[in-house]
N, C-alpha and C. Protein backbone atom coordinates (compact mmCIF):
# COMPACT_ATOMS: atom_id res chain seq x y z
N UNK A 1 50.21 -25.59 109.20
CA UNK A 1 49.33 -25.07 108.32
C UNK A 1 48.20 -25.77 108.31
N UNK A 2 47.08 -25.15 108.14
CA UNK A 2 45.66 -25.85 107.97
C UNK A 2 45.10 -25.46 106.68
N UNK A 3 44.78 -26.36 105.79
CA UNK A 3 44.16 -26.10 104.39
C UNK A 3 42.79 -26.56 104.62
N UNK A 4 41.84 -25.62 104.29
CA UNK A 4 40.36 -25.92 104.34
C UNK A 4 39.69 -25.43 103.11
N UNK A 5 38.79 -26.35 102.61
CA UNK A 5 37.99 -25.87 101.50
C UNK A 5 36.84 -25.16 101.91
N UNK A 6 36.50 -24.03 100.95
CA UNK A 6 35.34 -23.37 101.10
C UNK A 6 34.03 -23.88 100.62
N UNK A 7 32.95 -23.57 101.22
CA UNK A 7 31.64 -23.93 100.84
C UNK A 7 31.62 -25.50 100.58
N UNK A 8 32.11 -26.17 101.61
CA UNK A 8 32.12 -27.51 101.52
C UNK A 8 30.66 -28.20 101.83
N UNK A 9 30.13 -28.96 100.84
CA UNK A 9 28.68 -29.49 101.01
C UNK A 9 28.85 -30.88 101.66
N UNK A 10 29.86 -31.50 101.60
CA UNK A 10 30.02 -32.81 102.44
C UNK A 10 30.62 -32.65 103.74
N UNK A 11 29.73 -32.83 104.88
CA UNK A 11 30.15 -32.58 106.17
C UNK A 11 31.09 -33.60 106.74
N UNK A 12 31.37 -34.69 105.89
CA UNK A 12 32.43 -35.53 106.39
C UNK A 12 33.81 -35.16 105.99
N UNK A 13 33.90 -33.99 105.13
CA UNK A 13 35.18 -33.57 104.66
C UNK A 13 36.12 -33.04 105.72
N UNK A 14 37.21 -33.10 105.77
CA UNK A 14 38.04 -32.64 106.95
C UNK A 14 39.13 -31.65 106.40
N UNK A 15 39.63 -30.82 107.40
CA UNK A 15 40.74 -29.79 106.94
C UNK A 15 41.96 -30.70 106.85
N UNK A 16 42.94 -30.23 106.10
CA UNK A 16 44.10 -30.89 105.72
C UNK A 16 45.30 -30.18 106.69
N UNK A 17 45.93 -30.73 107.73
CA UNK A 17 46.78 -30.30 108.66
C UNK A 17 48.14 -30.74 108.20
N UNK A 18 49.10 -29.79 107.88
CA UNK A 18 50.54 -30.17 107.39
C UNK A 18 51.52 -29.35 108.25
N UNK A 19 52.78 -29.96 108.29
CA UNK A 19 53.64 -29.28 109.13
C UNK A 19 54.13 -28.09 108.56
N UNK A 20 54.72 -27.07 109.32
CA UNK A 20 55.06 -25.72 108.73
C UNK A 20 56.24 -25.72 107.54
N UNK A 21 56.89 -26.82 107.51
CA UNK A 21 57.94 -26.81 106.44
C UNK A 21 57.43 -27.50 105.27
N UNK A 22 56.10 -27.81 105.10
CA UNK A 22 55.53 -28.41 103.99
C UNK A 22 55.52 -27.34 102.76
N UNK A 23 55.41 -28.03 101.64
CA UNK A 23 55.01 -27.16 100.42
C UNK A 23 53.98 -27.85 99.62
N UNK A 24 52.78 -27.25 99.33
CA UNK A 24 51.69 -27.58 98.74
C UNK A 24 51.77 -27.12 97.56
N UNK A 25 51.43 -27.91 96.32
CA UNK A 25 51.37 -27.48 94.95
C UNK A 25 49.94 -27.61 94.31
N UNK A 26 49.38 -26.60 93.92
CA UNK A 26 47.96 -26.82 93.47
C UNK A 26 48.04 -26.47 91.87
N UNK A 27 47.37 -27.18 90.98
CA UNK A 27 47.48 -26.89 89.62
C UNK A 27 46.01 -26.99 89.13
N UNK A 28 45.41 -25.94 88.54
CA UNK A 28 44.09 -25.88 87.92
C UNK A 28 44.04 -26.83 86.63
N UNK A 29 43.23 -28.04 86.87
CA UNK A 29 43.10 -28.99 85.85
C UNK A 29 42.45 -28.52 84.56
N UNK A 30 42.82 -28.98 83.42
CA UNK A 30 42.07 -28.63 82.20
C UNK A 30 40.84 -29.48 81.98
N UNK A 31 40.67 -30.41 83.10
CA UNK A 31 39.41 -31.12 83.12
C UNK A 31 38.31 -30.60 84.02
N UNK A 32 38.49 -29.47 84.50
CA UNK A 32 37.48 -28.93 85.44
C UNK A 32 36.35 -28.54 84.71
N UNK A 33 35.21 -28.50 85.19
CA UNK A 33 34.00 -28.15 84.65
C UNK A 33 33.62 -26.66 85.24
N UNK A 34 34.41 -26.11 86.12
CA UNK A 34 34.17 -24.84 86.72
C UNK A 34 34.36 -23.70 85.61
N UNK A 35 33.54 -22.61 85.49
CA UNK A 35 33.74 -21.57 84.82
C UNK A 35 34.58 -20.50 85.29
N UNK A 36 34.47 -20.25 86.63
CA UNK A 36 35.11 -19.41 87.29
C UNK A 36 35.89 -20.12 88.53
N UNK A 37 37.22 -19.71 88.62
CA UNK A 37 37.97 -20.32 89.72
C UNK A 37 38.68 -19.21 90.36
N UNK A 38 38.58 -19.18 91.81
CA UNK A 38 39.24 -18.04 92.53
C UNK A 38 40.12 -18.64 93.55
N UNK A 39 41.18 -17.88 94.22
CA UNK A 39 41.89 -18.26 95.27
C UNK A 39 41.84 -17.24 96.31
N UNK A 40 41.51 -17.40 97.53
CA UNK A 40 41.52 -16.66 98.64
C UNK A 40 42.40 -17.17 99.66
N UNK A 41 43.31 -16.32 100.24
CA UNK A 41 44.12 -16.79 101.47
C UNK A 41 44.05 -15.59 102.45
N UNK A 42 44.11 -16.32 103.84
CA UNK A 42 44.12 -15.39 104.95
C UNK A 42 42.94 -14.31 104.87
N UNK A 43 41.91 -14.52 104.32
CA UNK A 43 40.96 -13.42 104.17
C UNK A 43 41.07 -12.31 103.29
N UNK A 44 42.08 -12.46 102.34
CA UNK A 44 42.48 -11.39 101.53
C UNK A 44 41.35 -11.42 100.38
N UNK A 45 41.56 -10.40 99.45
CA UNK A 45 40.61 -10.42 98.15
C UNK A 45 40.94 -11.72 97.30
N UNK A 46 39.79 -12.17 96.73
CA UNK A 46 40.05 -13.21 95.79
C UNK A 46 40.81 -12.80 94.69
N UNK A 47 41.48 -13.90 94.19
CA UNK A 47 42.47 -13.88 92.96
C UNK A 47 41.72 -14.80 91.87
N UNK A 48 41.53 -14.17 90.64
CA UNK A 48 41.05 -15.16 89.55
C UNK A 48 42.21 -16.17 89.26
N UNK A 49 41.74 -17.33 89.01
CA UNK A 49 42.81 -18.24 88.37
C UNK A 49 42.31 -18.95 87.04
N UNK A 50 43.18 -19.28 86.38
CA UNK A 50 42.86 -19.96 84.91
C UNK A 50 43.39 -21.28 84.90
N UNK A 51 42.87 -22.11 83.91
CA UNK A 51 43.19 -23.55 83.76
C UNK A 51 44.81 -23.57 83.41
N UNK A 52 45.56 -24.22 83.93
CA UNK A 52 47.00 -24.38 83.79
C UNK A 52 47.71 -23.58 84.98
N UNK A 53 47.07 -22.73 85.67
CA UNK A 53 47.66 -22.04 86.67
C UNK A 53 48.17 -22.90 87.79
N UNK A 54 49.29 -22.52 88.30
CA UNK A 54 49.74 -23.41 89.46
C UNK A 54 50.04 -22.49 90.66
N UNK A 55 49.57 -23.10 91.89
CA UNK A 55 49.69 -22.18 93.03
C UNK A 55 50.73 -22.99 94.14
N UNK A 56 51.74 -22.37 94.64
CA UNK A 56 52.47 -22.98 95.57
C UNK A 56 52.34 -22.33 96.98
N UNK A 57 51.86 -23.20 97.97
CA UNK A 57 51.64 -22.66 99.34
C UNK A 57 52.92 -23.16 100.25
N UNK A 58 53.37 -22.27 100.86
CA UNK A 58 54.39 -22.53 101.92
C UNK A 58 54.50 -21.54 102.93
N UNK A 59 55.18 -21.77 103.94
CA UNK A 59 55.28 -20.86 105.31
C UNK A 59 56.14 -19.65 104.50
N UNK A 60 55.69 -18.51 105.03
CA UNK A 60 56.46 -17.28 104.53
C UNK A 60 57.79 -16.95 105.45
């Protein structure tokens, strides 16, 4: 799997490559300053997320 940020402003940032049996857990921090947070995967429509939401990414 390859995990890549969108709208990266730092050209030194790299994609994260992990094995297909990996499981990635993301949690929206209560300390974020963002007003709107969205998840988009595989070019699908974006899904709004809220503080405290958790996303698990793994091979289907």
